[in-house]
């Protein structure tokens, strides 16, 4: 059997002392998450996170550096996820784009604060 992890990307975006998050429903509750998603066919990792950030928040994101590469194997799924997280810079916002609710939290805070 060939092992093929699902490749995902995420953005860690800090601007003016705040982090950009998206509000999503997961496990029947509302959670804050990084802009993130799956790599699509023929797409580079930087292209994937730029696309996901734009789709989810309406912000144009330019990835600059890899923050980390993470492997997640949830016990309740028979899948493995390989996530590449980027940091970068926001370069513009299109408020007319349909998007998931985006919010900013002060740096150093947690979702429960």
C-alpha atoms as a PDB file:
ATOM      1  CA  UNK A   1       0.000   0.000   0.000  1.00  0.00           C
ATOM      2  CA  UNK A   2       1.299   3.460  -0.917  1.00  0.00           C
ATOM      3  CA  UNK A   3       1.229   6.072   1.840  1.00  0.00           C
ATOM      4  CA  UNK A   4      -0.217   9.367   0.614  1.00  0.00           C
ATOM      5  CA  UNK A   5      -0.813  12.064   3.200  1.00  0.00           C
ATOM      6  CA  UNK A   6      -3.355  14.807   2.541  1.00  0.00           C
ATOM      7  CA  UNK A   7      -1.280  17.961   2.055  1.00  0.00           C
ATOM      8  CA  UNK A   8      -2.664  21.090   3.660  1.00  0.00           C
ATOM      9  CA  UNK A   9      -1.416  24.644   4.064  1.00  0.00           C
ATOM     10  CA  UNK A  10      -1.985  27.270   6.749  1.00  0.00           C
ATOM     11  CA  UNK A  11      -1.183  30.949   7.220  1.00  0.00           C
ATOM     12  CA  UNK A  12       0.100  32.583  10.392  1.00  0.00           C
ATOM     13  CA  UNK A  13      -0.658  36.237   9.727  1.00  0.00           C
ATOM     14  CA  UNK A  14       0.226  38.982  12.190  1.00  0.00           C
ATOM     15  CA  UNK A  15      -0.476  42.618  11.398  1.00  0.00           C
ATOM     16  CA  UNK A  16      -0.334  45.580  13.758  1.00  0.00           C
ATOM     17  CA  UNK A  17      -0.051  43.284  16.775  1.00  0.00           C
ATOM     18  CA  UNK A  18      -3.072  41.148  15.811  1.00  0.00           C
ATOM     19  CA  UNK A  19      -3.437  37.717  14.207  1.00  0.00           C
ATOM     20  CA  UNK A  20      -5.906  36.965  11.415  1.00  0.00           C
ATOM     21  CA  UNK A  21      -8.291  34.060  12.100  1.00  0.00           C
ATOM     22  CA  UNK A  22     -11.343  32.581  10.414  1.00  0.00           C
ATOM     23  CA  UNK A  23     -14.438  31.477  12.272  1.00  0.00           C
ATOM     24  CA  UNK A  24     -15.512  27.958  11.324  1.00  0.00           C
ATOM     25  CA  UNK A  25     -17.823  25.221  12.540  1.00  0.00           C
ATOM     26  CA  UNK A  26     -16.032  22.043  13.608  1.00  0.00           C
ATOM     27  CA  UNK A  27     -17.413  19.201  15.676  1.00  0.00           C
ATOM     28  CA  UNK A  28     -20.690  21.060  16.147  1.00  0.00           C
ATOM     29  CA  UNK A  29     -19.120  24.192  17.613  1.00  0.00           C
ATOM     30  CA  UNK A  30     -17.696  27.489  16.386  1.00  0.00           C
ATOM     31  CA  UNK A  31     -13.884  27.637  16.482  1.00  0.00           C
ATOM     32  CA  UNK A  32     -11.186  30.079  15.438  1.00  0.00           C
ATOM     33  CA  UNK A  33      -8.668  28.731  12.954  1.00  0.00           C
ATOM     34  CA  UNK A  34      -5.864  29.939  10.762  1.00  0.00           C
ATOM     35  CA  UNK A  35      -6.707  30.521   7.102  1.00  0.00           C
ATOM     36  CA  UNK A  36      -5.984  27.041   5.756  1.00  0.00           C
ATOM     37  CA  UNK A  37      -6.937  24.366   3.273  1.00  0.00           C
ATOM     38  CA  UNK A  38      -5.887  21.604   0.928  1.00  0.00           C
ATOM     39  CA  UNK A  39      -3.300  21.679  -1.832  1.00  0.00           C
ATOM     40  CA  UNK A  40      -4.949  21.342  -5.250  1.00  0.00           C
ATOM     41  CA  UNK A  41      -3.560  19.536  -8.302  1.00  0.00           C
ATOM     42  CA  UNK A  42      -0.803  21.463 -10.156  1.00  0.00           C
ATOM     43  CA  UNK A  43      -0.623  24.097  -7.408  1.00  0.00           C
ATOM     44  CA  UNK A  44       2.515  25.082  -5.497  1.00  0.00           C
ATOM     45  CA  UNK A  45       2.384  25.362  -1.709  1.00  0.00           C
ATOM     46  CA  UNK A  46       2.693  29.189  -1.776  1.00  0.00           C
ATOM     47  CA  UNK A  47      -0.055  29.386  -4.425  1.00  0.00           C
ATOM     48  CA  UNK A  48      -2.292  27.172  -2.283  1.00  0.00           C
ATOM     49  CA  UNK A  49      -2.042  29.290   0.862  1.00  0.00           C
ATOM     50  CA  UNK A  50      -2.463  32.534  -1.098  1.00  0.00           C
ATOM     51  CA  UNK A  51      -5.640  31.106  -2.691  1.00  0.00           C
ATOM     52  CA  UNK A  52      -7.025  29.734   0.581  1.00  0.00           C
ATOM     53  CA  UNK A  53      -6.427  33.005   2.433  1.00  0.00           C
ATOM     54  CA  UNK A  54      -8.121  35.017  -0.314  1.00  0.00           C
ATOM     55  CA  UNK A  55     -11.088  32.618  -0.473  1.00  0.00           C
ATOM     56  CA  UNK A  56     -11.584  32.509   3.295  1.00  0.00           C
ATOM     57  CA  UNK A  57     -10.875  36.123   4.275  1.00  0.00           C
ATOM     58  CA  UNK A  58     -10.883  38.344   1.186  1.00  0.00           C
ATOM     59  CA  UNK A  59      -7.255  39.307   1.922  1.00  0.00           C
ATOM     60  CA  UNK A  60      -4.411  38.982  -0.601  1.00  0.00           C
ATOM     61  CA  UNK A  61      -1.648  37.098   1.227  1.00  0.00           C
ATOM     62  CA  UNK A  62       1.961  36.890   0.070  1.00  0.00           C
ATOM     63  CA  UNK A  63       3.730  33.987   1.797  1.00  0.00           C
ATOM     64  CA  UNK A  64       7.340  34.800   2.748  1.00  0.00           C
ATOM     65  CA  UNK A  65       8.642  31.986   4.975  1.00  0.00           C
ATOM     66  CA  UNK A  66       7.765  28.493   6.150  1.00  0.00           C
ATOM     67  CA  UNK A  67       6.943  28.526   9.860  1.00  0.00           C
ATOM     68  CA  UNK A  68       6.749  24.761  10.231  1.00  0.00           C
ATOM     69  CA  UNK A  69       5.843  21.414   8.738  1.00  0.00           C
ATOM     70  CA  UNK A  70       3.483  19.300  10.815  1.00  0.00           C
ATOM     71  CA  UNK A  71       2.241  15.722  10.594  1.00  0.00           C
ATOM     72  CA  UNK A  72      -1.154  14.879  12.115  1.00  0.00           C
ATOM     73  CA  UNK A  73      -2.676  11.419  12.324  1.00  0.00           C
ATOM     74  CA  UNK A  74      -6.036  11.709  14.099  1.00  0.00           C
ATOM     75  CA  UNK A  75      -7.044   8.498  15.849  1.00  0.00           C
ATOM     76  CA  UNK A  76     -10.635   8.694  14.592  1.00  0.00           C
ATOM     77  CA  UNK A  77      -9.632   8.894  10.881  1.00  0.00           C
ATOM     78  CA  UNK A  78      -7.607   6.626   8.653  1.00  0.00           C
ATOM     79  CA  UNK A  79      -5.922   9.655   7.094  1.00  0.00           C
ATOM     80  CA  UNK A  80      -2.662  11.449   7.669  1.00  0.00           C
ATOM     81  CA  UNK A  81      -2.341  15.194   7.145  1.00  0.00           C
ATOM     82  CA  UNK A  82       0.909  16.931   6.253  1.00  0.00           C
ATOM     83  CA  UNK A  83       0.534  20.662   6.919  1.00  0.00           C
ATOM     84  CA  UNK A  84       2.928  23.381   5.791  1.00  0.00           C
ATOM     85  CA  UNK A  85       2.445  26.652   7.666  1.00  0.00           C
ATOM     86  CA  UNK A  86       3.582  29.977   6.223  1.00  0.00           C
ATOM     87  CA  UNK A  87       4.031  33.464   7.549  1.00  0.00           C
ATOM     88  CA  UNK A  88       3.845  36.417   5.214  1.00  0.00           C
ATOM     89  CA  UNK A  89       2.198  39.706   4.563  1.00  0.00           C
ATOM     90  CA  UNK A  90      -1.250  40.996   3.698  1.00  0.00           C
ATOM     91  CA  UNK A  91      -1.299  43.243   0.650  1.00  0.00           C
ATOM     92  CA  UNK A  92      -4.903  44.211   0.135  1.00  0.00           C
ATOM     93  CA  UNK A  93      -8.488  43.393   0.988  1.00  0.00           C
ATOM     94  CA  UNK A  94     -11.479  42.853  -1.270  1.00  0.00           C
ATOM     95  CA  UNK A  95     -14.573  43.225   0.951  1.00  0.00           C
ATOM     96  CA  UNK A  96     -16.845  42.207  -1.940  1.00  0.00           C
ATOM     97  CA  UNK A  97     -15.473  38.650  -1.950  1.00  0.00           C
ATOM     98  CA  UNK A  98     -17.677  36.083  -0.265  1.00  0.00           C
ATOM     99  CA  UNK A  99     -15.704  34.745   2.683  1.00  0.00           C
ATOM    100  CA  UNK A 100     -15.811  32.966   5.993  1.00  0.00           C
ATOM    101  CA  UNK A 101     -16.006  35.378   8.923  1.00  0.00           C
ATOM    102  CA  UNK A 102     -12.506  36.743   9.512  1.00  0.00           C
ATOM    103  CA  UNK A 103     -11.369  38.388  12.705  1.00  0.00           C
ATOM    104  CA  UNK A 104      -8.202  39.612  14.348  1.00  0.00           C
ATOM    105  CA  UNK A 105      -7.087  38.737  17.850  1.00  0.00           C
ATOM    106  CA  UNK A 106      -4.352  40.604  19.707  1.00  0.00           C
ATOM    107  CA  UNK A 107      -0.949  38.924  19.635  1.00  0.00           C
ATOM    108  CA  UNK A 108      -0.415  36.926  22.798  1.00  0.00           C
ATOM    109  CA  UNK A 109      -4.111  36.202  23.334  1.00  0.00           C
ATOM    110  CA  UNK A 110      -5.800  32.838  22.981  1.00  0.00           C
ATOM    111  CA  UNK A 111      -9.126  31.919  21.401  1.00  0.00           C
ATOM    112  CA  UNK A 112     -10.668  31.624  24.871  1.00  0.00           C
ATOM    113  CA  UNK A 113      -9.696  35.194  25.878  1.00  0.00           C
END
